[in-house]
Amino acid sequence: MRNRFGKIFYGFLISQLLIFILSLVYQQSISLLSYINISFYIASTLLFTSLIVFTVNSGFFDAISYSFRIVFAGKEEGEKKKSLHEMTPLSELVTLNANPLLMVGLLDFMLMLAALSVYYL
């Protein structure tokens, strides 16, 4: 439990530091607008990555990868076909946990929305 919150906290800290560094590099200043722009890119990337990892872990692409294995194996001998069926599914190969990425992305996105509301009010 504590390790999970540590991953989220350090990931959030690193993402905020990355936002400020990228804001300095690309905008040459730290302003509210540059923070909003850069944090949108970072949060969107984290959320998109977590959703892709979640989709792969759910087994959605297992049937597709199995079909590609069969098609590209061609008409070969029975022994190779047997080893083709024993291959590990794609969902078991990707063991990345998507929850910390999702939480850090949501926290960054919420801060970006708060900064956006301050900017327009």
PDB file of N, CA and C in Angstrom:
ATOM      1  N   MET A   1       0.827  -1.188   0.000  1.00  0.00           N
ATOM      2  CA  MET A   1       0.000   0.000   0.000  1.00  0.00           C
ATOM      3  C   MET A   1       0.872   1.253   0.000  1.00  0.00           C
ATOM      4  N   ARG A   2       1.867   1.263   0.879  1.00  0.00           N
ATOM      5  CA  ARG A   2       2.743   2.418   0.987  1.00  0.00           C
ATOM      6  C   ARG A   2       3.607   2.569  -0.263  1.00  0.00           C
ATOM      7  N   ASN A   3       4.030   1.433  -0.812  1.00  0.00           N
ATOM      8  CA  ASN A   3       4.852   1.461  -2.026  1.00  0.00           C
ATOM      9  C   ASN A   3       4.081   2.056  -3.205  1.00  0.00           C
ATOM     10  N   ARG A   4       2.777   1.738  -3.281  1.00  0.00           N
ATOM     11  CA  ARG A   4       1.953   2.254  -4.370  1.00  0.00           C
ATOM     12  C   ARG A   4       1.822   3.773  -4.280  1.00  0.00           C
ATOM     13  N   PHE A   5       1.600   4.288  -3.070  1.00  0.00           N
ATOM     14  CA  PHE A   5       1.500   5.741  -2.910  1.00  0.00           C
ATOM     15  C   PHE A   5       2.842   6.413  -3.146  1.00  0.00           C
ATOM     16  N   GLY A   6       3.931   5.729  -2.834  1.00  0.00           N
ATOM     17  CA  GLY A   6       5.262   6.260  -3.101  1.00  0.00           C
ATOM     18  C   GLY A   6       5.504   6.389  -4.596  1.00  0.00           C
ATOM     19  N   LYS A   7       5.094   5.373  -5.357  1.00  0.00           N
ATOM     20  CA  LYS A   7       5.242   5.431  -6.815  1.00  0.00           C
ATOM     21  C   LYS A   7       4.432   6.586  -7.391  1.00  0.00           C
ATOM     22  N   ILE A   8       3.216   6.744  -6.905  1.00  0.00           N
ATOM     23  CA  ILE A   8       2.366   7.821  -7.403  1.00  0.00           C
ATOM     24  C   ILE A   8       2.941   9.172  -7.022  1.00  0.00           C
ATOM     25  N   PHE A   9       3.399   9.312  -5.771  1.00  0.00           N
ATOM     26  CA  PHE A   9       3.948  10.585  -5.312  1.00  0.00           C
ATOM     27  C   PHE A   9       5.213  10.952  -6.079  1.00  0.00           C
ATOM     28  N   TYR A  10       6.132  10.009  -6.219  1.00  0.00           N
ATOM     29  CA  TYR A  10       7.369  10.302  -6.940  1.00  0.00           C
ATOM     30  C   TYR A  10       7.119  10.522  -8.433  1.00  0.00           C
ATOM     31  N   GLY A  11       6.182   9.782  -8.996  1.00  0.00           N
ATOM     32  CA  GLY A  11       5.823   9.999 -10.391  1.00  0.00           C
ATOM     33  C   GLY A  11       5.219  11.375 -10.604  1.00  0.00           C
ATOM     34  N   PHE A  12       4.372  11.794  -9.668  1.00  0.00           N
ATOM     35  CA  PHE A  12       3.772  13.128  -9.750  1.00  0.00           C
ATOM     36  C   PHE A  12       4.839  14.204  -9.592  1.00  0.00           C
ATOM     37  N   LEU A  13       5.750  13.990  -8.664  1.00  0.00           N
ATOM     38  CA  LEU A  13       6.836  14.950  -8.445  1.00  0.00           C
ATOM     39  C   LEU A  13       7.723  15.059  -9.686  1.00  0.00           C
ATOM     40  N   ILE A  14       8.058  13.942 -10.275  1.00  0.00           N
ATOM     41  CA  ILE A  14       8.894  13.936 -11.477  1.00  0.00           C
ATOM     42  C   ILE A  14       8.163  14.589 -12.644  1.00  0.00           C
ATOM     43  N   SER A  15       6.873  14.325 -12.777  1.00  0.00           N
ATOM     44  CA  SER A  15       6.128  14.933 -13.883  1.00  0.00           C
ATOM     45  C   SER A  15       6.029  16.447 -13.719  1.00  0.00           C
ATOM     46  N   GLN A  16       5.847  16.925 -12.496  1.00  0.00           N
ATOM     47  CA  GLN A  16       5.790  18.373 -12.284  1.00  0.00           C
ATOM     48  C   GLN A  16       7.150  19.012 -12.560  1.00  0.00           C
ATOM     49  N   LEU A  17       8.205  18.353 -12.148  1.00  0.00           N
ATOM     50  CA  LEU A  17       9.551  18.849 -12.434  1.00  0.00           C
ATOM     51  C   LEU A  17       9.802  18.874 -13.940  1.00  0.00           C
ATOM     52  N   LEU A  18       9.365  17.842 -14.624  1.00  0.00           N
ATOM     53  CA  LEU A  18       9.504  17.783 -16.081  1.00  0.00           C
ATOM     54  C   LEU A  18       8.709  18.896 -16.757  1.00  0.00           C
ATOM     55  N   ILE A  19       7.538  19.205 -16.235  1.00  0.00           N
ATOM     56  CA  ILE A  19       6.718  20.284 -16.785  1.00  0.00           C
ATOM     57  C   ILE A  19       7.448  21.621 -16.656  1.00  0.00           C
ATOM     58  N   PHE A  20       8.022  21.874 -15.493  1.00  0.00           N
ATOM     59  CA  PHE A  20       8.738  23.136 -15.301  1.00  0.00           C
ATOM     60  C   PHE A  20      10.005  23.221 -16.153  1.00  0.00           C
ATOM     61  N   ILE A  21      10.716  22.114 -16.286  1.00  0.00           N
ATOM     62  CA  ILE A  21      11.924  22.105 -17.117  1.00  0.00           C
ATOM     63  C   ILE A  21      11.566  22.318 -18.584  1.00  0.00           C
ATOM     64  N   LEU A  22      10.546  21.617 -19.076  1.00  0.00           N
ATOM     65  CA  LEU A  22      10.132  21.796 -20.465  1.00  0.00           C
ATOM     66  C   LEU A  22       9.574  23.194 -20.714  1.00  0.00           C
ATOM     67  N   SER A  23       8.932  23.757 -19.714  1.00  0.00           N
ATOM     68  CA  SER A  23       8.430  25.117 -19.836  1.00  0.00           C
ATOM     69  C   SER A  23       9.581  26.106 -19.967  1.00  0.00           C
ATOM     70  N   LEU A  24      10.633  25.889 -19.218  1.00  0.00           N
ATOM     71  CA  LEU A  24      11.814  26.753 -19.329  1.00  0.00           C
ATOM     72  C   LEU A  24      12.525  26.565 -20.664  1.00  0.00           C
ATOM     73  N   VAL A  25      12.616  25.346 -21.127  1.00  0.00           N
ATOM     74  CA  VAL A  25      13.342  25.066 -22.374  1.00  0.00           C
ATOM     75  C   VAL A  25      12.592  25.609 -23.588  1.00  0.00           C
ATOM     76  N   TYR A  26      11.290  25.331 -23.680  1.00  0.00           N
ATOM     77  CA  TYR A  26      10.552  25.695 -24.878  1.00  0.00           C
ATOM     78  C   TYR A  26       9.962  27.098 -24.843  1.00  0.00           C
ATOM     79  N   GLN A  27       9.566  27.582 -23.678  1.00  0.00           N
ATOM     80  CA  GLN A  27       8.938  28.897 -23.587  1.00  0.00           C
ATOM     81  C   GLN A  27       9.888  29.972 -23.045  1.00  0.00           C
ATOM     82  N   GLN A  28      11.048  29.600 -22.554  1.00  0.00           N
ATOM     83  CA  GLN A  28      12.062  30.480 -21.969  1.00  0.00           C
ATOM     84  C   GLN A  28      11.552  31.226 -20.733  1.00  0.00           C
ATOM     85  N   SER A  29      10.436  30.834 -20.198  1.00  0.00           N
ATOM     86  CA  SER A  29       9.925  31.425 -18.964  1.00  0.00           C
ATOM     87  C   SER A  29       8.901  30.469 -18.351  1.00  0.00           C
ATOM     88  N   ILE A  30       8.663  30.679 -17.080  1.00  0.00           N
ATOM     89  CA  ILE A  30       7.630  29.893 -16.414  1.00  0.00           C
ATOM     90  C   ILE A  30       6.441  30.820 -16.199  1.00  0.00           C
ATOM     91  N   SER A  31       5.423  30.621 -17.001  1.00  0.00           N
ATOM     92  CA  SER A  31       4.193  31.389 -16.858  1.00  0.00           C
ATOM     93  C   SER A  31       3.032  30.415 -16.705  1.00  0.00           C
ATOM     94  N   LEU A  32       1.898  30.939 -16.345  1.00  0.00           N
ATOM     95  CA  LEU A  32       0.730  30.089 -16.157  1.00  0.00           C
ATOM     96  C   LEU A  32       0.310  29.434 -17.473  1.00  0.00           C
ATOM     97  N   LEU A  33       0.392  30.187 -18.541  1.00  0.00           N
ATOM     98  CA  LEU A  33       0.006  29.644 -19.844  1.00  0.00           C
ATOM     99  C   LEU A  33       0.964  28.549 -20.308  1.00  0.00           C
ATOM    100  N   SER A  34       2.253  28.746 -20.106  1.00  0.00           N
ATOM    101  CA  SER A  34       3.204  27.702 -20.502  1.00  0.00           C
ATOM    102  C   SER A  34       3.045  26.457 -19.628  1.00  0.00           C
ATOM    103  N   TYR A  35       2.730  26.650 -18.334  1.00  0.00           N
ATOM    104  CA  TYR A  35       2.469  25.503 -17.451  1.00  0.00           C
ATOM    105  C   TYR A  35       1.252  24.723 -17.945  1.00  0.00           C
ATOM    106  N   ILE A  36       0.201  25.434 -18.327  1.00  0.00           N
ATOM    107  CA  ILE A  36      -1.021  24.779 -18.814  1.00  0.00           C
ATOM    108  C   ILE A  36      -0.739  23.998 -20.088  1.00  0.00           C
ATOM    109  N   ASN A  37      -0.017  24.619 -21.003  1.00  0.00           N
ATOM    110  CA  ASN A  37       0.267  23.956 -22.286  1.00  0.00           C
ATOM    111  C   ASN A  37       1.107  22.698 -22.107  1.00  0.00           C
ATOM    112  N   ILE A  38       2.197  22.800 -21.372  1.00  0.00           N
ATOM    113  CA  ILE A  38       3.101  21.657 -21.203  1.00  0.00           C
ATOM    114  C   ILE A  38       2.438  20.568 -20.360  1.00  0.00           C
ATOM    115  N   SER A  39       1.707  20.957 -19.313  1.00  0.00           N
ATOM    116  CA  SER A  39       1.072  19.944 -18.468  1.00  0.00           C
ATOM    117  C   SER A  39      -0.026  19.201 -19.217  1.00  0.00           C
ATOM    118  N   PHE A  40      -0.664  19.866 -20.183  1.00  0.00           N
ATOM    119  CA  PHE A  40      -1.653  19.161 -21.000  1.00  0.00           C
ATOM    120  C   PHE A  40      -0.988  18.043 -21.796  1.00  0.00           C
ATOM    121  N   TYR A  41       0.153  18.321 -22.395  1.00  0.00           N
ATOM    122  CA  TYR A  41       0.868  17.303 -23.166  1.00  0.00           C
ATOM    123  C   TYR A  41       1.330  16.147 -22.283  1.00  0.00           C
ATOM    124  N   ILE A  42       1.891  16.474 -21.124  1.00  0.00           N
ATOM    125  CA  ILE A  42       2.394  15.430 -20.226  1.00  0.00           C
ATOM    126  C   ILE A  42       1.244  14.576 -19.696  1.00  0.00           C
ATOM    127  N   ALA A  43       0.167  15.223 -19.226  1.00  0.00           N
ATOM    128  CA  ALA A  43      -0.973  14.481 -18.675  1.00  0.00           C
ATOM    129  C   ALA A  43      -1.640  13.625 -19.743  1.00  0.00           C
ATOM    130  N   SER A  44      -1.778  14.163 -20.948  1.00  0.00           N
ATOM    131  CA  SER A  44      -2.402  13.396 -22.025  1.00  0.00           C
ATOM    132  C   SER A  44      -1.564  12.186 -22.405  1.00  0.00           C
ATOM    133  N   THR A  45      -0.249  12.356 -22.432  1.00  0.00           N
ATOM    134  CA  THR A  45       0.641  11.237 -22.739  1.00  0.00           C
ATOM    135  C   THR A  45       0.541  10.149 -21.675  1.00  0.00           C
ATOM    136  N   LEU A  46       0.529  10.552 -20.414  1.00  0.00           N
ATOM    137  CA  LEU A  46       0.424   9.574 -19.328  1.00  0.00           C
ATOM    138  C   LEU A  46      -0.917   8.846 -19.357  1.00  0.00           C
ATOM    139  N   LEU A  47      -2.002   9.581 -19.570  1.00  0.00           N
ATOM    140  CA  LEU A  47      -3.320   8.954 -19.614  1.00  0.00           C
ATOM    141  C   LEU A  47      -3.454   8.020 -20.817  1.00  0.00           C
ATOM    142  N   PHE A  48      -2.973   8.443 -21.975  1.00  0.00           N
ATOM    143  CA  PHE A  48      -3.043   7.600 -23.164  1.00  0.00           C
ATOM    144  C   PHE A  48      -2.212   6.331 -22.989  1.00  0.00           C
ATOM    145  N   THR A  49      -1.015   6.476 -22.424  1.00  0.00           N
ATOM    146  CA  THR A  49      -0.155   5.315 -22.197  1.00  0.00           C
ATOM    147  C   THR A  49      -0.799   4.339 -21.218  1.00  0.00           C
ATOM    148  N   SER A  50      -1.394   4.856 -20.151  1.00  0.00           N
ATOM    149  CA  SER A  50      -2.025   3.967 -19.172  1.00  0.00           C
ATOM    150  C   SER A  50      -3.224   3.239 -19.784  1.00  0.00           C
ATOM    151  N   LEU A  51      -3.975   3.912 -20.637  1.00  0.00           N
ATOM    152  CA  LEU A  51      -5.112   3.248 -21.275  1.00  0.00           C
ATOM    153  C   LEU A  51      -4.673   2.187 -22.277  1.00  0.00           C
ATOM    154  N   ILE A  52      -3.586   2.444 -22.983  1.00  0.00           N
ATOM    155  CA  ILE A  52      -3.043   1.436 -23.916  1.00  0.00           C
ATOM    156  C   ILE A  52      -2.552   0.213 -23.137  1.00  0.00           C
ATOM    157  N   VAL A  53      -1.819   0.443 -22.045  1.00  0.00           N
ATOM    158  CA  VAL A  53      -1.315  -0.674 -21.229  1.00  0.00           C
ATOM    159  C   VAL A  53      -2.478  -1.461 -20.642  1.00  0.00           C
ATOM    160  N   PHE A  54      -3.502  -0.776 -20.169  1.00  0.00           N
ATOM    161  CA  PHE A  54      -4.680  -1.457 -19.617  1.00  0.00           C
ATOM    162  C   PHE A  54      -5.367  -2.307 -20.683  1.00  0.00           C
ATOM    163  N   THR A  55      -5.478  -1.777 -21.898  1.00  0.00           N
ATOM    164  CA  THR A  55      -6.118  -2.518 -22.986  1.00  0.00           C
ATOM    165  C   THR A  55      -5.311  -3.762 -23.357  1.00  0.00           C
ATOM    166  N   VAL A  56      -3.993  -3.629 -23.412  1.00  0.00           N
ATOM    167  CA  VAL A  56      -3.152  -4.784 -23.739  1.00  0.00           C
ATOM    168  C   VAL A  56      -3.214  -5.816 -22.625  1.00  0.00           C
ATOM    169  N   ASN A  57      -3.189  -5.371 -21.366  1.00  0.00           N
ATOM    170  CA  ASN A  57      -3.249  -6.306 -20.232  1.00  0.00           C
ATOM    171  C   ASN A  57      -4.589  -7.024 -20.143  1.00  0.00           C
ATOM    172  N   SER A  58      -5.653  -6.416 -20.657  1.00  0.00           N
ATOM    173  CA  SER A  58      -6.966  -7.045 -20.579  1.00  0.00           C
ATOM    174  C   SER A  58      -7.112  -8.215 -21.544  1.00  0.00           C
ATOM    175  N   GLY A  59      -6.199  -8.349 -22.501  1.00  0.00           N
ATOM    176  CA  GLY A  59      -6.253  -9.463 -23.439  1.00  0.00           C
ATOM    177  C   GLY A  59      -6.963  -9.131 -24.730  1.00  0.00           C
ATOM    178  N   PHE A  60      -7.234  -7.874 -24.968  1.00  0.00           N
ATOM    179  CA  PHE A  60      -7.955  -7.453 -26.166  1.00  0.00           C
ATOM    180  C   PHE A  60      -7.190  -7.802 -27.436  1.00  0.00           C
ATOM    181  N   PHE A  61      -5.872  -7.667 -27.408  1.00  0.00           N
ATOM    182  CA  PHE A  61      -5.061  -7.899 -28.607  1.00  0.00           C
ATOM    183  C   PHE A  61      -4.524  -9.328 -28.709  1.00  0.00           C
ATOM    184  N   ASP A  62      -4.902 -10.218 -27.790  1.00  0.00           N
ATOM    185  CA  ASP A  62      -4.409 -11.594 -27.838  1.00  0.00           C
ATOM    186  C   ASP A  62      -4.879 -12.323 -29.094  1.00  0.00           C
ATOM    187  N   ALA A  63      -6.145 -12.155 -29.437  1.00  0.00           N
ATOM    188  CA  ALA A  63      -6.675 -12.840 -30.625  1.00  0.00           C
ATOM    189  C   ALA A  63      -6.017 -12.300 -31.895  1.00  0.00           C
ATOM    190  N   ILE A  64      -5.756 -11.010 -31.929  1.00  0.00           N
ATOM    191  CA  ILE A  64      -5.128 -10.411 -33.104  1.00  0.00           C
ATOM    192  C   ILE A  64      -3.696 -10.913 -33.254  1.00  0.00           C
ATOM    193  N   SER A  65      -2.955 -10.936 -32.149  1.00  0.00           N
ATOM    194  CA  SER A  65      -1.569 -11.405 -32.231  1.00  0.00           C
ATOM    195  C   SER A  65      -1.517 -12.902 -32.556  1.00  0.00           C
ATOM    196  N   TYR A  66      -2.475 -13.671 -32.043  1.00  0.00           N
ATOM    197  CA  TYR A  66      -2.540 -15.095 -32.367  1.00  0.00           C
ATOM    198  C   TYR A  66      -2.812 -15.293 -33.860  1.00  0.00           C
ATOM    199  N   SER A  67      -3.717 -14.471 -34.401  1.00  0.00           N
ATOM    200  CA  SER A  67      -4.030 -14.570 -35.830  1.00  0.00           C
ATOM    201  C   SER A  67      -2.818 -14.214 -36.684  1.00  0.00           C
ATOM    202  N   PHE A  68      -2.083 -13.184 -36.301  1.00  0.00           N
ATOM    203  CA  PHE A  68      -0.878 -12.817 -37.044  1.00  0.00           C
ATOM    204  C   PHE A  68       0.161 -13.937 -36.984  1.00  0.00           C
ATOM    205  N   ARG A  69       0.267 -14.604 -35.854  1.00  0.00           N
ATOM    206  CA  ARG A  69       1.219 -15.713 -35.749  1.00  0.00           C
ATOM    207  C   ARG A  69       0.863 -16.825 -36.726  1.00  0.00           C
ATOM    208  N   ILE A  70      -0.421 -17.133 -36.813  1.00  0.00           N
ATOM    209  CA  ILE A  70      -0.851 -18.207 -37.708  1.00  0.00           C
ATOM    210  C   ILE A  70      -0.652 -17.813 -39.171  1.00  0.00           C
ATOM    211  N   VAL A  71      -0.997 -16.592 -39.512  1.00  0.00           N
ATOM    212  CA  VAL A  71      -0.882 -16.143 -40.901  1.00  0.00           C
ATOM    213  C   VAL A  71       0.576 -16.108 -41.343  1.00  0.00           C
ATOM    214  N   PHE A  72       1.440 -15.572 -40.504  1.00  0.00           N
ATOM    215  CA  PHE A  72       2.838 -15.438 -40.903  1.00  0.00           C
ATOM    216  C   PHE A  72       3.630 -16.738 -40.733  1.00  0.00           C
ATOM    217  N   ALA A  73       3.070 -17.706 -40.035  1.00  0.00           N
ATOM    218  CA  ALA A  73       3.747 -18.997 -39.928  1.00  0.00           C
ATOM    219  C   ALA A  73       3.610 -19.773 -41.239  1.00  0.00           C
ATOM    220  N   GLY A  74       2.523 -19.530 -41.931  1.00  0.00           N
ATOM    221  CA  GLY A  74       2.321 -20.212 -43.211  1.00  0.00           C
ATOM    222  C   GLY A  74       1.987 -21.673 -43.021  1.00  0.00           C
ATOM    223  N   LYS A  75       2.127 -22.423 -44.100  1.00  0.00           N
ATOM    224  CA  LYS A  75       1.856 -23.864 -44.031  1.00  0.00           C
ATOM    225  C   LYS A  75       3.166 -24.573 -43.776  1.00  0.00           C
ATOM    226  N   GLU A  76       3.420 -24.793 -42.500  1.00  0.00           N
ATOM    227  CA  GLU A  76       4.660 -25.458 -42.113  1.00  0.00           C
ATOM    228  C   GLU A  76       4.331 -26.783 -41.453  1.00  0.00           C
ATOM    229  N   GLU A  77       5.345 -27.400 -40.971  1.00  0.00           N
ATOM    230  CA  GLU A  77       5.177 -28.724 -40.385  1.00  0.00           C
ATOM    231  C   GLU A  77       4.438 -28.634 -39.061  1.00  0.00           C
ATOM    232  N   GLY A  78       3.922 -29.755 -38.617  1.00  0.00           N
ATOM    233  CA  GLY A  78       3.122 -29.829 -37.404  1.00  0.00           C
ATOM    234  C   GLY A  78       3.859 -29.416 -36.150  1.00  0.00           C
ATOM    235  N   GLU A  79       5.176 -29.685 -36.100  1.00  0.00           N
ATOM    236  CA  GLU A  79       5.946 -29.341 -34.901  1.00  0.00           C
ATOM    237  C   GLU A  79       6.019 -27.835 -34.707  1.00  0.00           C
ATOM    238  N   LYS A  80       6.215 -27.095 -35.784  1.00  0.00           N
ATOM    239  CA  LYS A  80       6.267 -25.638 -35.679  1.00  0.00           C
ATOM    240  C   LYS A  80       4.891 -25.077 -35.335  1.00  0.00           C
ATOM    241  N   LYS A  81       3.843 -25.683 -35.871  1.00  0.00           N
ATOM    242  CA  LYS A  81       2.491 -25.238 -35.546  1.00  0.00           C
ATOM    243  C   LYS A  81       2.189 -25.466 -34.074  1.00  0.00           C
ATOM    244  N   LYS A  82       2.696 -26.586 -33.532  1.00  0.00           N
ATOM    245  CA  LYS A  82       2.470 -26.869 -32.128  1.00  0.00           C
ATOM    246  C   LYS A  82       3.185 -25.835 -31.255  1.00  0.00           C
ATOM    247  N   SER A  83       4.402 -25.471 -31.621  1.00  0.00           N
ATOM    248  CA  SER A  83       5.120 -24.461 -30.845  1.00  0.00           C
ATOM    249  C   SER A  83       4.463 -23.093 -31.011  1.00  0.00           C
ATOM    250  N   LEU A  84       3.795 -22.879 -32.123  1.00  0.00           N
ATOM    251  CA  LEU A  84       3.077 -21.633 -32.351  1.00  0.00           C
ATOM    252  C   LEU A  84       1.913 -21.491 -31.371  1.00  0.00           C
ATOM    253  N   HIS A  85       1.233 -22.591 -31.090  1.00  0.00           N
ATOM    254  CA  HIS A  85       0.106 -22.563 -30.165  1.00  0.00           C
ATOM    255  C   HIS A  85       0.561 -22.436 -28.713  1.00  0.00           C
ATOM    256  N   GLU A  86       1.796 -22.804 -28.433  1.00  0.00           N
ATOM    257  CA  GLU A  86       2.305 -22.735 -27.062  1.00  0.00           C
ATOM    258  C   GLU A  86       2.945 -21.391 -26.733  1.00  0.00           C
ATOM    259  N   MET A  87       2.958 -20.463 -27.678  1.00  0.00           N
ATOM    260  CA  MET A  87       3.562 -19.158 -27.436  1.00  0.00           C
ATOM    261  C   MET A  87       2.754 -18.372 -26.399  1.00  0.00           C
ATOM    262  N   THR A  88       3.451 -17.540 -25.652  1.00  0.00           N
ATOM    263  CA  THR A  88       2.820 -16.744 -24.609  1.00  0.00           C
ATOM    264  C   THR A  88       1.965 -15.651 -25.237  1.00  0.00           C
ATOM    265  N   PRO A  89       0.725 -15.470 -24.749  1.00  0.00           N
ATOM    266  CA  PRO A  89      -0.122 -14.389 -25.280  1.00  0.00           C
ATOM    267  C   PRO A  89       0.466 -13.011 -24.961  1.00  0.00           C
ATOM    268  N   LEU A  90       0.079 -12.039 -25.738  1.00  0.00           N
ATOM    269  CA  LEU A  90       0.589 -10.687 -25.584  1.00  0.00           C
ATOM    270  C   LEU A  90       0.242 -10.098 -24.221  1.00  0.00           C
ATOM    271  N   SER A  91      -0.927 -10.422 -23.685  1.00  0.00           N
ATOM    272  CA  SER A  91      -1.338  -9.866 -22.394  1.00  0.00           C
ATOM    273  C   SER A  91      -0.462 -10.370 -21.252  1.00  0.00           C
ATOM    274  N   GLU A  92       0.134 -11.546 -21.407  1.00  0.00           N
ATOM    275  CA  GLU A  92       1.023 -12.059 -20.368  1.00  0.00           C
ATOM    276  C   GLU A  92       2.448 -11.541 -20.533  1.00  0.00           C
ATOM    277  N   LEU A  93       2.799 -11.046 -21.712  1.00  0.00           N
ATOM    278  CA  LEU A  93       4.133 -10.489 -21.926  1.00  0.00           C
ATOM    279  C   LEU A  93       4.270  -9.089 -21.345  1.00  0.00           C
ATOM    280  N   VAL A  94       3.207  -8.296 -21.386  1.00  0.00           N
ATOM    281  CA  VAL A  94       3.229  -6.933 -20.858  1.00  0.00           C
ATOM    282  C   VAL A  94       2.797  -6.989 -19.405  1.00  0.00           C
ATOM    283  N   THR A  95       3.745  -6.735 -18.503  1.00  0.00           N
ATOM    284  CA  THR A  95       3.457  -6.849 -17.072  1.00  0.00           C
ATOM    285  C   THR A  95       3.483  -5.503 -16.365  1.00  0.00           C
ATOM    286  N   LEU A  96       3.424  -4.423 -17.118  1.00  0.00           N
ATOM    287  CA  LEU A  96       3.461  -3.082 -16.544  1.00  0.00           C
ATOM    288  C   LEU A  96       2.130  -2.774 -15.868  1.00  0.00           C
ATOM    289  N   ASN A  97       2.191  -2.201 -14.662  1.00  0.00           N
ATOM    290  CA  ASN A  97       0.993  -1.814 -13.939  1.00  0.00           C
ATOM    291  C   ASN A  97       0.560  -0.431 -14.420  1.00  0.00           C
ATOM    292  N   ALA A  98      -0.668  -0.313 -14.903  1.00  0.00           N
ATOM    293  CA  ALA A  98      -1.155   0.939 -15.472  1.00  0.00           C
ATOM    294  C   ALA A  98      -1.704   1.893 -14.423  1.00  0.00           C
ATOM    295  N   ASN A  99      -1.969   1.427 -13.207  1.00  0.00           N
ATOM    296  CA  ASN A  99      -2.605   2.278 -12.201  1.00  0.00           C
ATOM    297  C   ASN A  99      -1.764   3.488 -11.792  1.00  0.00           C
ATOM    298  N   PRO A 100      -0.451   3.349 -11.513  1.00  0.00           N
ATOM    299  CA  PRO A 100       0.309   4.561 -11.171  1.00  0.00           C
ATOM    300  C   PRO A 100       0.356   5.578 -12.309  1.00  0.00           C
ATOM    301  N   LEU A 101       0.472   5.108 -13.547  1.00  0.00           N
ATOM    302  CA  LEU A 101       0.453   6.022 -14.688  1.00  0.00           C
ATOM    303  C   LEU A 101      -0.882   6.755 -14.777  1.00  0.00           C
ATOM    304  N   LEU A 102      -1.959   6.025 -14.556  1.00  0.00           N
ATOM    305  CA  LEU A 102      -3.281   6.621 -14.605  1.00  0.00           C
ATOM    306  C   LEU A 102      -3.461   7.662 -13.504  1.00  0.00           C
ATOM    307  N   MET A 103      -3.037   7.340 -12.295  1.00  0.00           N
ATOM    308  CA  MET A 103      -3.190   8.272 -11.181  1.00  0.00           C
ATOM    309  C   MET A 103      -2.349   9.524 -11.367  1.00  0.00           C
ATOM    310  N   VAL A 104      -1.109   9.384 -11.806  1.00  0.00           N
ATOM    311  CA  VAL A 104      -0.246  10.542 -12.039  1.00  0.00           C
ATOM    312  C   VAL A 104      -0.812  11.389 -13.170  1.00  0.00           C
ATOM    313  N   GLY A 105      -1.302  10.755 -14.221  1.00  0.00           N
ATOM    314  CA  GLY A 105      -1.909  11.492 -15.325  1.00  0.00           C
ATOM    315  C   GLY A 105      -3.153  12.249 -14.887  1.00  0.00           C
ATOM    316  N   LEU A 106      -3.979  11.608 -14.049  1.00  0.00           N
ATOM    317  CA  LEU A 106      -5.176  12.286 -13.553  1.00  0.00           C
ATOM    318  C   LEU A 106      -4.825  13.455 -12.630  1.00  0.00           C
ATOM    319  N   LEU A 107      -3.832  13.275 -11.775  1.00  0.00           N
ATOM    320  CA  LEU A 107      -3.405  14.374 -10.898  1.00  0.00           C
ATOM    321  C   LEU A 107      -2.857  15.545 -11.709  1.00  0.00           C
ATOM    322  N   ASP A 108      -2.036  15.252 -12.699  1.00  0.00           N
ATOM    323  CA  ASP A 108      -1.514  16.309 -13.567  1.00  0.00           C
ATOM    324  C   ASP A 108      -2.647  17.006 -14.326  1.00  0.00           C
ATOM    325  N   PHE A 109      -3.603  16.222 -14.789  1.00  0.00           N
ATOM    326  CA  PHE A 109      -4.719  16.789 -15.539  1.00  0.00           C
ATOM    327  C   PHE A 109      -5.586  17.675 -14.651  1.00  0.00           C
ATOM    328  N   MET A 110      -5.801  17.254 -13.397  1.00  0.00           N
ATOM    329  CA  MET A 110      -6.582  18.069 -12.470  1.00  0.00           C
ATOM    330  C   MET A 110      -5.871  19.374 -12.147  1.00  0.00           C
ATOM    331  N   LEU A 111      -4.544  19.333 -11.968  1.00  0.00           N
ATOM    332  CA  LEU A 111      -3.799  20.567 -11.745  1.00  0.00           C
ATOM    333  C   LEU A 111      -3.840  21.471 -12.969  1.00  0.00           C
ATOM    334  N   MET A 112      -3.788  20.870 -14.140  1.00  0.00           N
ATOM    335  CA  MET A 112      -3.878  21.653 -15.365  1.00  0.00           C
ATOM    336  C   MET A 112      -5.240  22.330 -15.469  1.00  0.00           C
ATOM    337  N   LEU A 113      -6.322  21.612 -15.112  1.00  0.00           N
ATOM    338  CA  LEU A 113      -7.647  22.214 -15.140  1.00  0.00           C
ATOM    339  C   LEU A 113      -7.786  23.327 -14.103  1.00  0.00           C
ATOM    340  N   ALA A 114      -7.173  23.143 -12.929  1.00  0.00           N
ATOM    341  CA  ALA A 114      -7.198  24.189 -11.909  1.00  0.00           C
ATOM    342  C   ALA A 114      -6.446  25.425 -12.402  1.00  0.00           C
ATOM    343  N   ALA A 115      -5.295  25.226 -13.021  1.00  0.00           N
ATOM    344  CA  ALA A 115      -4.535  26.356 -13.563  1.00  0.00           C
ATOM    345  C   ALA A 115      -5.290  27.024 -14.701  1.00  0.00           C
ATOM    346  N   LEU A 116      -6.009  26.242 -15.485  1.00  0.00           N
ATOM    347  CA  LEU A 116      -6.803  26.790 -16.579  1.00  0.00           C
ATOM    348  C   LEU A 116      -7.953  27.646 -16.047  1.00  0.00           C
ATOM    349  N   SER A 117      -8.591  27.187 -14.960  1.00  0.00           N
ATOM    350  CA  SER A 117      -9.673  27.979 -14.382  1.00  0.00           C
ATOM    351  C   SER A 117      -9.136  29.269 -13.771  1.00  0.00           C
ATOM    352  N   VAL A 118      -7.945  29.233 -13.171  1.00  0.00           N
ATOM    353  CA  VAL A 118      -7.330  30.453 -12.642  1.00  0.00           C
ATOM    354  C   VAL A 118      -6.982  31.403 -13.788  1.00  0.00           C
ATOM    355  N   TYR A 119      -6.524  30.864 -14.898  1.00  0.00           N
ATOM    356  CA  TYR A 119      -6.133  31.667 -16.041  1.00  0.00           C
ATOM    357  C   TYR A 119      -7.328  32.417 -16.635  1.00  0.00           C
ATOM    358  N   TYR A 120      -8.476  31.759 -16.714  1.00  0.00           N
ATOM    359  CA  TYR A 120      -9.640  32.388 -17.326  1.00  0.00           C
ATOM    360  C   TYR A 120     -10.507  33.172 -16.357  1.00  0.00           C
ATOM    361  N   LEU A 121     -10.266  33.053 -15.080  1.00  0.00           N
ATOM    362  CA  LEU A 121     -11.057  33.823 -14.095  1.00  0.00           C
ATOM    363  C   LEU A 121     -10.283  34.990 -13.649  1.00  0.00           C
TER     364      LEU A 121
END
